[in-house]
Protein backbone atom coordinates (compact mmCIF):
# COMPACT_ATOMS: atom_id res chain seq x y z
CA LYS A 1 -8.64 -11.00 2.52
CA CYS A 2 -10.26 -7.69 3.60
CA GLU A 3 -6.87 -5.62 4.59
CA TYR A 4 -8.96 -2.25 3.80
CA LEU A 5 -10.86 -3.17 6.91
CA ASN A 6 -7.73 -2.36 9.35
CA PRO A 7 -7.84 0.76 11.49
CA GLY A 8 -6.10 2.87 9.13
CA GLY A 9 -8.02 1.44 6.13
CA SER A 10 -5.28 -0.66 4.27
CA VAL A 11 -2.95 -3.38 4.59
CA LYS A 12 0.18 -0.96 5.18
CA ASP A 13 -1.16 -0.45 8.77
CA ARG A 14 0.57 -3.50 9.62
CA ILE A 15 4.11 -2.45 8.45
CA ALA A 16 3.27 0.96 10.04
CA LYS A 17 3.30 -0.17 13.40
CA ALA A 18 5.70 -2.71 12.76
CA ILE A 19 8.44 -0.33 11.94
CA VAL A 20 7.86 2.27 14.55
CA GLU A 21 7.95 -0.41 17.07
CA ASP A 22 11.53 -1.77 15.56
CA ALA A 23 12.83 1.55 15.44
CA GLU A 24 11.93 2.07 19.22
CA ALA A 25 13.34 -0.81 20.23
CA ARG A 26 16.50 -0.49 18.30
CA GLY A 27 16.89 3.02 19.78
CA LEU A 28 16.46 5.07 16.53
CA LEU A 29 13.10 6.13 17.67
CA GLY A 30 12.13 7.84 20.95
CA GLY A 31 13.94 9.89 23.52
CA GLY A 32 15.35 13.05 21.32
CA GLN A 33 14.08 11.46 18.22
CA ARG A 34 10.64 12.68 17.75
CA THR A 35 10.66 12.80 13.73
CA VAL A 36 9.62 10.07 11.22
CA VAL A 37 10.43 10.46 7.39
CA GLU A 38 8.34 8.41 4.96
CA ALA A 39 8.27 7.72 1.25
CA THR A 40 4.82 6.52 0.24
CA ALA A 41 2.28 6.07 -2.20
CA GLY A 42 -0.32 7.08 0.54
CA ASN A 43 -1.30 4.40 2.39
CA THR A 44 1.89 3.54 4.68
CA GLY A 45 1.76 7.20 5.51
CA VAL A 46 -1.79 7.23 6.86
CA GLY A 47 -0.91 4.01 8.96
CA LEU A 48 2.48 5.92 10.22
CA ALA A 49 0.31 8.81 10.90
CA ILE A 50 -1.97 6.95 12.96
CA VAL A 51 0.99 5.43 15.03
CA CYS A 52 2.86 8.76 15.49
CA ALA A 53 0.08 10.49 16.80
CA ARG A 54 -0.44 8.23 19.35
CA ARG A 55 3.07 8.24 20.18
CA GLY A 56 3.99 11.76 19.95
CA TYR A 57 6.15 12.05 17.01
CA ARG A 58 6.10 14.28 14.16
CA LEU A 59 5.38 12.75 10.54
CA VAL A 60 6.75 14.09 7.06
CA CYS A 61 5.86 12.03 4.10
CA VAL A 62 7.03 12.35 0.65
CA MET A 63 4.34 11.63 -2.00
CA PRO A 64 4.57 11.14 -5.90
CA ARG A 65 2.14 13.71 -7.74
CA LYS A 66 0.62 10.85 -9.31
CA MET A 67 -1.18 9.74 -5.96
CA SER A 68 -4.61 10.75 -5.31
CA ALA A 69 -5.80 14.05 -3.70
CA ASP A 70 -7.89 11.77 -1.15
CA LYS A 71 -4.63 10.31 0.33
CA ARG A 72 -2.67 14.33 0.35
CA THR A 73 -6.40 14.88 2.35
CA ALA A 74 -6.27 11.97 4.67
CA LEU A 75 -2.63 12.54 5.62
CA ALA A 76 -2.91 16.23 6.05
CA ALA A 77 -5.87 15.63 8.36
CA LEU A 78 -3.96 13.35 10.61
CA GLY A 79 -1.48 15.89 11.40
CA ALA A 80 1.72 15.08 8.90
CA GLU A 81 3.27 17.31 6.62
CA VAL A 82 2.83 16.17 3.28
CA VAL A 83 5.70 16.88 0.62
CA ILE A 84 4.63 16.14 -3.11
CA ALA A 85 7.23 15.08 -5.59
CA PRO A 86 7.60 14.90 -9.37
CA ASP A 87 6.63 11.24 -10.92
CA GLU A 88 10.28 10.82 -11.97
CA PRO A 89 12.27 7.39 -11.98
CA LEU A 90 14.32 6.41 -8.65
CA THR A 91 17.28 7.16 -10.77
CA HIS A 92 16.39 10.87 -10.79
CA PRO A 93 17.31 12.84 -7.66
CA ASP A 94 13.96 14.29 -7.01
CA ASN A 95 12.11 10.92 -6.77
CA PHE A 96 9.91 10.54 -3.34
CA ARG A 97 12.11 8.22 -2.32
CA ASN A 98 15.43 9.97 -2.94
CA GLN A 99 13.64 13.41 -1.69
CA ALA A 100 12.71 11.23 1.99
CA ALA A 101 16.06 10.42 2.31
CA ARG A 102 17.52 13.93 1.88
CA ILE A 103 14.80 15.29 3.95
CA ALA A 104 15.82 12.90 6.72
CA ARG A 105 19.54 13.62 6.31
CA GLU A 106 18.84 17.39 6.62
CA ARG A 107 16.30 17.01 9.43
CA GLY A 108 18.24 14.37 11.28
CA ALA A 109 15.40 12.50 11.28
CA PHE A 110 14.42 8.68 11.18
CA LEU A 111 13.84 7.54 7.84
CA THR A 112 11.46 4.13 7.73
CA ASP A 113 12.95 3.35 4.19
CA GLN A 114 10.07 0.79 3.84
CA PHE A 115 10.98 -0.45 0.89
CA ALA A 116 14.18 -1.93 2.45
CA ASN A 117 13.40 -2.08 5.91
CA PRO A 118 13.58 -5.89 6.96
CA ALA A 119 10.58 -5.09 9.83
CA ASN A 120 8.09 -4.86 6.69
CA LEU A 121 8.67 -8.37 5.47
CA ARG A 122 9.13 -9.94 8.64
CA ILE A 123 5.73 -8.53 9.97
CA HIS A 124 3.99 -10.39 6.93
CA GLU A 125 5.95 -13.52 7.56
CA GLU A 126 4.77 -13.31 11.39
CA THR A 127 0.84 -12.13 10.52
CA THR A 128 -0.47 -12.16 7.41
CA GLY A 129 0.69 -15.32 6.35
CA PRO A 130 -0.28 -17.54 9.33
CA GLU A 131 -3.74 -15.61 9.23
CA ILE A 132 -4.06 -16.94 5.70
CA TRP A 133 -2.93 -20.31 6.57
CA ASN A 134 -5.47 -20.51 9.48
CA GLN A 135 -8.62 -18.91 7.41
CA THR A 136 -8.38 -21.42 5.09
CA ALA A 137 -7.27 -23.87 7.59
CA GLY A 138 -4.17 -24.61 5.53
CA ARG A 139 -6.02 -25.62 2.40
CA ILE A 140 -4.77 -22.73 0.16
CA GLY A 141 -3.59 -23.50 -3.31
CA ALA A 142 -2.67 -19.98 -4.45
CA PHE A 143 -1.73 -16.65 -3.19
CA VAL A 144 -1.81 -13.61 -5.30
CA SER A 145 -0.47 -10.37 -4.97
CA GLY A 146 0.96 -6.98 -6.18
CA SER A 147 4.22 -5.71 -5.01
CA GLY A 148 4.91 -1.94 -3.99
CA THR A 149 7.96 -2.47 -1.18
CA GLY A 150 7.71 -6.25 -1.74
CA GLY A 151 6.87 -7.13 2.03
CA THR A 152 3.49 -8.56 1.53
CA ILE A 153 3.88 -10.94 -1.15
CA SER A 154 7.36 -11.88 0.01
CA GLY A 155 6.50 -12.37 3.82
CA VAL A 156 3.47 -14.24 3.25
CA GLY A 157 5.11 -16.18 0.47
CA ARG A 158 7.65 -17.11 2.60
CA PHE A 159 5.73 -18.43 5.36
CA LEU A 160 3.09 -20.16 3.22
CA LYS A 161 6.00 -22.03 1.04
CA ARG A 162 7.30 -23.29 4.63
CA MET A 163 4.17 -24.52 5.54
CA ARG A 164 3.77 -26.37 2.13
CA ALA A 165 6.23 -25.82 -0.60
CA ASP A 166 3.43 -26.70 -3.47
CA ILE A 167 1.62 -23.27 -2.64
CA ARG A 168 1.70 -21.23 -5.86
CA VAL A 169 2.60 -17.62 -5.18
CA VAL A 170 1.66 -15.36 -8.20
CA LEU A 171 2.77 -11.43 -8.25
CA ALA A 172 -0.05 -9.57 -9.85
CA ASP A 173 1.66 -6.65 -11.79
CA PRO A 174 0.30 -3.61 -13.64
CA VAL A 175 1.12 -2.75 -17.41
CA GLY A 176 3.82 -0.52 -17.09
CA SER A 177 5.84 -2.19 -13.95
CA GLY A 178 9.13 -3.89 -15.04
CA LEU A 179 8.52 -6.74 -12.11
CA ALA A 180 6.48 -9.59 -14.42
CA ASP A 181 9.40 -9.67 -16.58
CA TRP A 182 11.87 -9.91 -13.57
CA VAL A 183 10.01 -12.38 -11.97
CA ARG A 184 9.92 -14.50 -15.40
CA THR A 185 13.59 -13.70 -16.85
CA GLY A 186 15.54 -12.29 -13.95
CA THR A 187 15.16 -8.79 -15.53
CA PRO A 188 13.07 -6.20 -15.02
CA GLY A 189 11.19 -5.17 -18.35
CA PRO A 190 10.62 -1.74 -19.46
CA SER A 191 8.79 0.51 -17.40
CA GLY A 192 6.25 3.10 -18.50
CA SER A 193 3.31 5.41 -16.83
CA TYR A 194 0.08 3.63 -15.35
CA GLY A 195 -2.88 4.92 -12.98
CA VAL A 196 -3.33 1.88 -10.37
CA GLU A 197 -1.56 3.57 -7.10
CA GLY A 198 0.81 1.44 -4.76
CA ILE A 199 2.03 -1.46 -6.93
CA GLY A 200 4.52 -1.91 -9.61
CA SER A 201 7.98 -0.66 -9.62
CA ALA A 202 11.01 -0.22 -12.53
CA GLU A 203 13.13 -2.36 -10.36
CA PRO A 204 12.84 -4.92 -7.63
CA PRO A 205 12.98 -3.17 -3.96
CA VAL A 206 15.35 -4.71 -1.82
CA ASN A 207 12.18 -6.21 0.19
CA LEU A 208 10.77 -8.75 -2.64
CA ASP A 209 12.06 -12.03 -2.61
CA GLY A 210 11.90 -13.27 -6.18
CA THR A 211 12.91 -17.02 -4.74
CA VAL A 212 9.49 -17.36 -3.49
CA ILE A 213 7.51 -16.06 -6.49
CA ASP A 214 6.13 -18.76 -9.05
CA SER A 215 4.78 -16.78 -11.92
CA ALA A 216 3.29 -13.26 -12.87
CA GLU A 217 0.21 -12.19 -14.21
CA VAL A 218 0.16 -8.52 -15.99
CA VAL A 219 -3.03 -6.59 -15.71
CA THR A 220 -3.73 -3.31 -17.49
CA ASP A 221 -5.61 -0.28 -16.07
CA ALA A 222 -8.53 -0.68 -17.46
CA GLU A 223 -8.87 -4.29 -16.07
CA SER A 224 -8.07 -3.40 -12.57
CA TYR A 225 -10.54 -0.81 -12.55
CA ALA A 226 -12.98 -2.41 -14.00
CA THR A 227 -12.60 -4.99 -11.74
CA ALA A 228 -12.51 -3.13 -8.71
CA ARG A 229 -15.88 -1.54 -9.72
CA ARG A 230 -17.48 -4.76 -10.44
CA LEU A 231 -16.40 -5.83 -6.78
CA ILE A 232 -17.77 -2.17 -5.60
CA VAL A 233 -21.64 -2.47 -7.35
CA GLU A 234 -21.96 -6.27 -7.34
CA GLU A 235 -20.64 -7.43 -4.15
CA GLY A 236 -20.54 -4.30 -1.92
CA VAL A 237 -16.64 -4.78 -1.42
CA LEU A 238 -15.36 -1.25 -1.09
CA VAL A 239 -11.90 -1.43 -2.61
CA GLY A 240 -9.10 0.50 -4.61
CA GLY A 241 -7.74 -0.14 -7.99
CA SER A 242 -4.86 -2.54 -6.58
CA THR A 243 -7.27 -4.30 -5.04
CA GLY A 244 -8.76 -4.63 -8.82
CA THR A 245 -5.04 -5.56 -10.29
CA ASN A 246 -4.87 -8.61 -7.14
CA VAL A 247 -8.69 -9.73 -7.87
CA ALA A 248 -8.12 -9.65 -11.97
CA ALA A 249 -4.99 -11.72 -11.63
CA ALA A 250 -6.53 -14.45 -9.12
CA LEU A 251 -9.56 -14.81 -10.91
CA ARG A 252 -6.95 -15.79 -13.98
CA VAL A 253 -5.33 -18.14 -11.79
CA ALA A 254 -8.71 -19.68 -10.84
CA ALA A 255 -10.33 -19.62 -13.86
CA ARG A 256 -7.19 -22.40 -15.13
CA GLY A 257 -8.41 -24.93 -13.04
CA ASP A 258 -4.89 -26.40 -11.88
CA VAL A 259 -4.50 -24.79 -8.60
CA ASP A 260 -5.67 -27.49 -5.91
CA GLY A 261 -7.14 -25.11 -3.37
CA PRO A 262 -8.46 -21.74 -2.90
CA VAL A 263 -6.87 -18.67 -4.40
CA VAL A 264 -6.08 -16.22 -1.88
CA THR A 265 -5.70 -12.34 -2.39
CA LEU A 266 -5.74 -9.32 -0.67
CA GLY A 267 -8.29 -6.53 -0.29
CA CYS A 268 -5.29 -4.01 0.02
CA ASP A 269 -7.29 -0.22 0.64
CA GLY A 270 -10.75 1.14 0.29
CA TRP A 271 -12.49 3.14 -2.36
CA ASP A 272 -12.23 6.37 0.17
CA ARG A 273 -8.60 6.94 -1.03
CA TYR A 274 -9.57 7.19 -4.75
CA ARG A 275 -13.38 8.89 -4.64
CA SER A 276 -11.75 12.11 -6.44
CA GLN A 277 -10.16 9.74 -9.33
CA ALA A 278 -11.87 9.29 -12.91
CA TRP A 279 -12.42 5.43 -13.00
CA LEU A 280 -15.05 5.87 -9.75
CA GLN A 281 -17.02 8.44 -11.63
CA PRO A 282 -20.62 7.08 -12.51
CA HIS A 283 -20.12 5.32 -15.93
């Protein structure tokens, strides 16, 4: 499902619009409150920048240093203030999420908190899940997705399980993330560094609902990037690295032959967010 064709170029456009509209409805944005602060790997920030520009809000985006320069450029071009945080774990005060919370407190701004904001999960349960169900005429056999905030896999998973309990929901997780072990054992595994952006975590975020996830597939950076390059070169599907993770995991699930129906995954974002990175250079 080609979510990179959304107006801002990623699946995160859905939650950006939903979070802002929810905050306005609850009186947290609008009137005297005109500043939004977001901790982002880049894509939610781009979606929010578009929504905030249309509504006249100022946006501050805090990003980990490892995220691509292309994302920083896009955010700046859209008028967002970009703050770069060191690549530290959530337990560190300078982690990008902790910095965003601190900036929001200091400036008296609205913190989107996409990792715990229920509007994130809810919009996927209300829109992405039903779209997948309808687009496969209810024949879907499995849904495969990575988890950044947990909203996509959890919201889609909840809807699909409600429609048919035998639909398999599979987490696609990068090597270096602790979430696959959490799905399998209930305890996050050891975490380390990895290159793929926007998915994986040392700890499960609030929006990740493990009760709807049946299993997990772990994918290396090398396999993710190789799969993304194949999609670009062989299919003309212009995607980023996390889509490579998703598709690599989905191909494994499909190859086992024990799923009754199509295996669906997402094209999370496009290659334009990564053109400066080594994996997209000629090989």
